[in-house]
PDB file of N, CA and C in Angstrom:
ATOM      1  N   UNK A   1     -61.333  -0.206  48.821  1.00  0.00           N
ATOM      2  CA  UNK A   1     -59.401  -0.196  48.593  1.00  0.00           C
ATOM      3  C   UNK A   1     -58.855  -0.662  47.645  1.00  0.00           C
ATOM      4  N   UNK A   2     -57.513   0.020  47.710  1.00  0.00           N
ATOM      5  CA  UNK A   2     -56.151  -0.146  47.246  1.00  0.00           C
ATOM      6  C   UNK A   2     -55.132  -1.172  47.972  1.00  0.00           C
ATOM      7  N   UNK A   3     -54.529  -1.650  47.162  1.00  0.00           N
ATOM      8  CA  UNK A   3     -53.533  -3.005  47.845  1.00  0.00           C
ATOM      9  C   UNK A   3     -51.852  -2.008  47.086  1.00  0.00           C
ATOM     10  N   UNK A   4     -51.484  -1.839  47.167  1.00  0.00           N
ATOM     11  CA  UNK A   4     -49.696  -1.786  46.585  1.00  0.00           C
ATOM     12  C   UNK A   4     -48.498  -3.138  47.530  1.00  0.00           C
ATOM     13  N   UNK A   5     -47.535  -2.603  46.592  1.00  0.00           N
ATOM     14  CA  UNK A   5     -46.391  -3.844  47.211  1.00  0.00           C
ATOM     15  C   UNK A   5     -45.228  -2.920  47.099  1.00  0.00           C
ATOM     16  N   UNK A   6     -44.374  -3.381  47.936  1.00  0.00           N
ATOM     17  CA  UNK A   6     -42.958  -3.296  47.626  1.00  0.00           C
ATOM     18  C   UNK A   6     -41.992  -4.359  46.765  1.00  0.00           C
ATOM     19  N   UNK A   7     -42.085  -4.103  45.970  1.00  0.00           N
ATOM     20  CA  UNK A   7     -40.795  -4.712  45.287  1.00  0.00           C
ATOM     21  C   UNK A   7     -39.612  -4.599  44.358  1.00  0.00           C
ATOM     22  N   UNK A   8     -38.250  -4.630  43.943  1.00  0.00           N
ATOM     23  CA  UNK A   8     -37.463  -3.637  43.931  1.00  0.00           C
ATOM     24  C   UNK A   8     -36.233  -5.355  42.285  1.00  0.00           C
ATOM     25  N   UNK A   9     -37.062  -6.509  42.199  1.00  0.00           N
ATOM     26  CA  UNK A   9     -36.015  -7.519  41.921  1.00  0.00           C
ATOM     27  C   UNK A   9     -35.869  -7.484  40.389  1.00  0.00           C
ATOM     28  N   UNK A  10     -34.897  -7.732  39.491  1.00  0.00           N
ATOM     29  CA  UNK A  10     -35.674  -7.614  38.323  1.00  0.00           C
ATOM     30  C   UNK A  10     -36.068  -9.053  37.599  1.00  0.00           C
ATOM     31  N   UNK A  11     -35.011 -10.081  38.062  1.00  0.00           N
ATOM     32  CA  UNK A  11     -35.346 -11.287  38.454  1.00  0.00           C
ATOM     33  C   UNK A  11     -36.580 -12.309  38.349  1.00  0.00           C
ATOM     34  N   UNK A  12     -37.348 -11.320  39.613  1.00  0.00           N
ATOM     35  CA  UNK A  12     -38.905 -12.189  39.779  1.00  0.00           C
ATOM     36  C   UNK A  12     -39.945 -11.008  39.565  1.00  0.00           C
ATOM     37  N   UNK A  13     -40.052 -10.344  38.523  1.00  0.00           N
ATOM     38  CA  UNK A  13     -41.425  -9.185  38.047  1.00  0.00           C
ATOM     39  C   UNK A  13     -42.347  -9.593  37.309  1.00  0.00           C
ATOM     40  N   UNK A  14     -41.798 -11.160  37.548  1.00  0.00           N
ATOM     41  CA  UNK A  14     -43.232 -12.443  37.211  1.00  0.00           C
ATOM     42  C   UNK A  14     -44.255 -11.241  38.788  1.00  0.00           C
ATOM     43  N   UNK A  15     -43.483 -11.663  39.828  1.00  0.00           N
ATOM     44  CA  UNK A  15     -44.271 -11.361  41.025  1.00  0.00           C
ATOM     45  C   UNK A  15     -45.191 -10.759  40.622  1.00  0.00           C
ATOM     46  N   UNK A  16     -44.699  -9.179  40.102  1.00  0.00           N
ATOM     47  CA  UNK A  16     -45.379  -7.986  39.898  1.00  0.00           C
ATOM     48  C   UNK A  16     -46.449  -8.178  38.816  1.00  0.00           C
ATOM     49  N   UNK A  17     -46.091  -8.885  37.798  1.00  0.00           N
ATOM     50  CA  UNK A  17     -47.244  -9.229  36.794  1.00  0.00           C
ATOM     51  C   UNK A  17     -48.572 -10.167  37.717  1.00  0.00           C
ATOM     52  N   UNK A  18     -48.153 -10.642  38.442  1.00  0.00           N
ATOM     53  CA  UNK A  18     -49.327 -11.648  39.205  1.00  0.00           C
ATOM     54  C   UNK A  18     -50.033 -10.766  40.011  1.00  0.00           C
ATOM     55  N   UNK A  19     -49.362  -9.708  40.439  1.00  0.00           N
ATOM     56  CA  UNK A  19     -50.137  -8.899  41.425  1.00  0.00           C
ATOM     57  C   UNK A  19     -50.345  -8.269  41.150  1.00  0.00           C
ATOM     58  N   UNK A  20     -50.438  -7.998  40.002  1.00  0.00           N
ATOM     59  CA  UNK A  20     -51.387  -6.846  38.777  1.00  0.00           C
ATOM     60  C   UNK A  20     -52.820  -7.823  38.400  1.00  0.00           C
ATOM     61  N   UNK A  21     -52.413  -9.376  38.417  1.00  0.00           N
ATOM     62  CA  UNK A  21     -53.325  -9.467  37.936  1.00  0.00           C
ATOM     63  C   UNK A  21     -54.191 -10.296  38.879  1.00  0.00           C
ATOM     64  N   UNK A  22     -53.926 -10.135  40.214  1.00  0.00           N
ATOM     65  CA  UNK A  22     -54.803 -10.476  41.520  1.00  0.00           C
ATOM     66  C   UNK A  22     -55.345  -8.977  41.950  1.00  0.00           C
ATOM     67  N   UNK A  23     -55.220  -7.337  41.328  1.00  0.00           N
ATOM     68  CA  UNK A  23     -55.817  -6.203  41.091  1.00  0.00           C
ATOM     69  C   UNK A  23     -55.069  -5.908  42.305  1.00  0.00           C
ATOM     70  N   UNK A  24     -53.735  -5.881  42.474  1.00  0.00           N
ATOM     71  CA  UNK A  24     -52.953  -4.880  43.160  1.00  0.00           C
ATOM     72  C   UNK A  24     -53.072  -3.444  42.522  1.00  0.00           C
ATOM     73  N   UNK A  25     -52.803  -2.664  42.461  1.00  0.00           N
ATOM     74  CA  UNK A  25     -53.075  -1.496  41.997  1.00  0.00           C
ATOM     75  C   UNK A  25     -51.516  -1.113  42.059  1.00  0.00           C
ATOM     76  N   UNK A  26     -50.924  -0.304  42.685  1.00  0.00           N
ATOM     77  CA  UNK A  26     -49.737   0.189  42.824  1.00  0.00           C
ATOM     78  C   UNK A  26     -48.417  -0.723  43.189  1.00  0.00           C
ATOM     79  N   UNK A  27     -47.304  -0.326  42.542  1.00  0.00           N
ATOM     80  CA  UNK A  27     -45.724  -0.471  43.214  1.00  0.00           C
ATOM     81  C   UNK A  27     -44.855   0.584  43.630  1.00  0.00           C
ATOM     82  N   UNK A  28     -44.126   0.228  44.803  1.00  0.00           N
ATOM     83  CA  UNK A  28     -42.956   1.320  44.925  1.00  0.00           C
ATOM     84  C   UNK A  28     -42.260   0.614  44.702  1.00  0.00           C
ATOM     85  N   UNK A  29     -40.824   0.946  44.538  1.00  0.00           N
ATOM     86  CA  UNK A  29     -39.514   0.667  44.690  1.00  0.00           C
ATOM     87  C   UNK A  29     -38.990   1.208  45.433  1.00  0.00           C
ATOM     88  N   UNK A  30     -37.604   0.386  45.758  1.00  0.00           N
ATOM     89  CA  UNK A  30     -36.536   1.184  46.657  1.00  0.00           C
ATOM     90  C   UNK A  30     -35.163   1.742  46.409  1.00  0.00           C
ATOM     91  N   UNK A  31     -34.421   1.562  46.838  1.00  0.00           N
ATOM     92  CA  UNK A  31     -33.206   2.098  46.235  1.00  0.00           C
ATOM     93  C   UNK A  31     -32.241   1.381  46.942  1.00  0.00           C
ATOM     94  N   UNK A  32     -31.247   0.529  46.770  1.00  0.00           N
ATOM     95  CA  UNK A  32     -29.909  -0.023  47.339  1.00  0.00           C
ATOM     96  C   UNK A  32     -29.138  -0.968  46.109  1.00  0.00           C
ATOM     97  N   UNK A  33     -28.058  -0.461  46.528  1.00  0.00           N
ATOM     98  CA  UNK A  33     -27.080  -0.400  45.721  1.00  0.00           C
ATOM     99  C   UNK A  33     -26.373  -2.269  46.370  1.00  0.00           C
ATOM    100  N   UNK A  34     -26.965  -3.176  47.392  1.00  0.00           N
ATOM    101  CA  UNK A  34     -26.597  -3.713  47.573  1.00  0.00           C
ATOM    102  C   UNK A  34     -27.549  -5.526  47.457  1.00  0.00           C
ATOM    103  N   UNK A  35     -28.997  -5.057  47.548  1.00  0.00           N
ATOM    104  CA  UNK A  35     -28.986  -6.182  47.871  1.00  0.00           C
ATOM    105  C   UNK A  35     -30.877  -6.002  47.244  1.00  0.00           C
ATOM    106  N   UNK A  36     -30.421  -5.126  46.290  1.00  0.00           N
ATOM    107  CA  UNK A  36     -31.543  -5.167  45.270  1.00  0.00           C
ATOM    108  C   UNK A  36     -31.590  -4.634  44.026  1.00  0.00           C
ATOM    109  N   UNK A  37     -32.158  -5.293  42.907  1.00  0.00           N
ATOM    110  CA  UNK A  37     -31.811  -4.286  41.484  1.00  0.00           C
ATOM    111  C   UNK A  37     -31.891  -2.862  41.596  1.00  0.00           C
ATOM    112  N   UNK A  38     -31.521  -1.919  40.213  1.00  0.00           N
ATOM    113  CA  UNK A  38     -31.091  -0.532  40.351  1.00  0.00           C
ATOM    114  C   UNK A  38     -32.849   0.024  40.351  1.00  0.00           C
ATOM    115  N   UNK A  39     -33.634   0.313  41.327  1.00  0.00           N
ATOM    116  CA  UNK A  39     -34.614   1.041  41.525  1.00  0.00           C
ATOM    117  C   UNK A  39     -35.125   1.676  39.782  1.00  0.00           C
ATOM    118  N   UNK A  40     -34.990   2.183  39.692  1.00  0.00           N
ATOM    119  CA  UNK A  40     -34.848   3.291  38.255  1.00  0.00           C
ATOM    120  C   UNK A  40     -35.228   2.200  37.317  1.00  0.00           C
ATOM    121  N   UNK A  41     -34.728   1.167  36.750  1.00  0.00           N
ATOM    122  CA  UNK A  41     -34.000   0.223  35.886  1.00  0.00           C
ATOM    123  C   UNK A  41     -35.513  -0.407  36.031  1.00  0.00           C
ATOM    124  N   UNK A  42     -35.072  -0.967  37.352  1.00  0.00           N
ATOM    125  CA  UNK A  42     -36.971  -1.534  37.669  1.00  0.00           C
ATOM    126  C   UNK A  42     -38.018  -1.347  37.481  1.00  0.00           C
ATOM    127  N   UNK A  43     -38.900  -0.242  37.796  1.00  0.00           N
ATOM    128  CA  UNK A  43     -39.791   1.164  37.621  1.00  0.00           C
ATOM    129  C   UNK A  43     -39.784   0.875  36.509  1.00  0.00           C
ATOM    130  N   UNK A  44     -38.638   1.224  35.337  1.00  0.00           N
ATOM    131  CA  UNK A  44     -38.538   1.006  34.102  1.00  0.00           C
ATOM    132  C   UNK A  44     -39.008  -0.587  33.800  1.00  0.00           C
ATOM    133  N   UNK A  45     -38.753  -1.813  33.280  1.00  0.00           N
ATOM    134  CA  UNK A  45     -39.211  -2.758  33.755  1.00  0.00           C
ATOM    135  C   UNK A  45     -40.650  -2.846  33.557  1.00  0.00           C
ATOM    136  N   UNK A  46     -40.782  -2.737  34.945  1.00  0.00           N
ATOM    137  CA  UNK A  46     -41.779  -2.697  35.353  1.00  0.00           C
ATOM    138  C   UNK A  46     -43.506  -2.171  34.724  1.00  0.00           C
ATOM    139  N   UNK A  47     -42.877  -0.213  34.803  1.00  0.00           N
ATOM    140  CA  UNK A  47     -44.040   0.428  33.121  1.00  0.00           C
ATOM    141  C   UNK A  47     -44.257  -1.053  31.980  1.00  0.00           C
ATOM    142  N   UNK A  48     -42.869  -1.123  31.451  1.00  0.00           N
ATOM    143  CA  UNK A  48     -43.016  -2.123  30.437  1.00  0.00           C
ATOM    144  C   UNK A  48     -44.218  -3.673  30.383  1.00  0.00           C
ATOM    145  N   UNK A  49     -43.948  -4.062  31.683  1.00  0.00           N
ATOM    146  CA  UNK A  49     -44.538  -5.131  31.734  1.00  0.00           C
ATOM    147  C   UNK A  49     -46.203  -4.836  32.553  1.00  0.00           C
ATOM    148  N   UNK A  50     -46.410  -4.525  32.575  1.00  0.00           N
ATOM    149  CA  UNK A  50     -48.275  -3.782  33.643  1.00  0.00           C
ATOM    150  C   UNK A  50     -48.142  -2.749  32.432  1.00  0.00           C
ATOM    151  N   UNK A  51     -49.533  -2.890  32.958  1.00  0.00           N
ATOM    152  CA  UNK A  51     -50.804  -1.847  32.053  1.00  0.00           C
ATOM    153  C   UNK A  51     -51.448  -0.947  33.484  1.00  0.00           C
ATOM    154  N   UNK A  52     -52.161  -1.342  34.159  1.00  0.00           N
ATOM    155  CA  UNK A  52     -52.547  -0.273  34.730  1.00  0.00           C
ATOM    156  C   UNK A  52     -51.798   0.003  36.285  1.00  0.00           C
ATOM    157  N   UNK A  53     -51.386  -0.802  36.875  1.00  0.00           N
ATOM    158  CA  UNK A  53     -50.507  -0.426  38.075  1.00  0.00           C
ATOM    159  C   UNK A  53     -49.532   1.443  37.976  1.00  0.00           C
ATOM    160  N   UNK A  54     -49.489   2.011  38.931  1.00  0.00           N
ATOM    161  CA  UNK A  54     -49.142   2.625  39.269  1.00  0.00           C
ATOM    162  C   UNK A  54     -47.910   2.628  39.977  1.00  0.00           C
ATOM    163  N   UNK A  55     -47.264   3.246  39.682  1.00  0.00           N
ATOM    164  CA  UNK A  55     -45.323   3.606  39.682  1.00  0.00           C
ATOM    165  C   UNK A  55     -45.113   4.346  40.427  1.00  0.00           C
ATOM    166  N   UNK A  56     -44.769   4.141  41.505  1.00  0.00           N
ATOM    167  CA  UNK A  56     -43.333   5.215  42.461  1.00  0.00           C
ATOM    168  C   UNK A  56     -42.406   4.845  42.605  1.00  0.00           C
ATOM    169  N   UNK A  57     -41.205   5.443  43.253  1.00  0.00           N
ATOM    170  CA  UNK A  57     -39.959   5.265  44.421  1.00  0.00           C
ATOM    171  C   UNK A  57     -40.272   5.844  45.484  1.00  0.00           C
ATOM    172  N   UNK A  58     -40.259   4.805  46.155  1.00  0.00           N
ATOM    173  CA  UNK A  58     -39.867   4.835  47.994  1.00  0.00           C
ATOM    174  C   UNK A  58     -38.687   5.621  48.661  1.00  0.00           C
ATOM    175  N   UNK A  59     -37.711   5.274  48.006  1.00  0.00           N
ATOM    176  CA  UNK A  59     -36.657   6.087  48.442  1.00  0.00           C
ATOM    177  C   UNK A  59     -35.543   6.165  47.481  1.00  0.00           C
ATOM    178  N   UNK A  60     -34.814   6.874  47.453  1.00  0.00           N
ATOM    179  CA  UNK A  60     -33.736   7.340  46.322  1.00  0.00           C
ATOM    180  C   UNK A  60     -32.856   7.789  47.105  1.00  0.00           C
ATOM    181  N   UNK A  61     -31.251   6.855  47.250  1.00  0.00           N
ATOM    182  CA  UNK A  61     -30.070   7.112  47.975  1.00  0.00           C
ATOM    183  C   UNK A  61     -29.277   7.920  47.393  1.00  0.00           C
ATOM    184  N   UNK A  62     -29.269   9.447  46.664  1.00  0.00           N
ATOM    185  CA  UNK A  62     -28.824   9.861  46.287  1.00  0.00           C
ATOM    186  C   UNK A  62     -26.928   9.375  46.099  1.00  0.00           C
ATOM    187  N   UNK A  63     -26.559   9.064  46.920  1.00  0.00           N
ATOM    188  CA  UNK A  63     -25.349   8.869  47.216  1.00  0.00           C
ATOM    189  C   UNK A  63     -24.272   7.660  46.194  1.00  0.00           C
ATOM    190  N   UNK A  64     -26.017   6.420  45.750  1.00  0.00           N
ATOM    191  CA  UNK A  64     -25.761   6.169  44.399  1.00  0.00           C
ATOM    192  C   UNK A  64     -25.853   6.691  43.630  1.00  0.00           C
ATOM    193  N   UNK A  65     -26.366   7.700  42.778  1.00  0.00           N
ATOM    194  CA  UNK A  65     -26.899   8.287  41.658  1.00  0.00           C
ATOM    195  C   UNK A  65     -25.483   9.411  41.245  1.00  0.00           C
TER     196      UNK A  65
END
């Protein structure tokens, strides 16, 4: 069984790296112009900070692009 999480706050990236250490296998980010960091930037940083996690965009809001 695999476990993943949804996260999108750049200032809390340490939670993502810790989740990878605990065995989480994938990470989803959701797009929001109000309450989270830019999801595409977040996923870029997550790719740099993790080694094995699969990364994906859960929801992208075209109107914000």
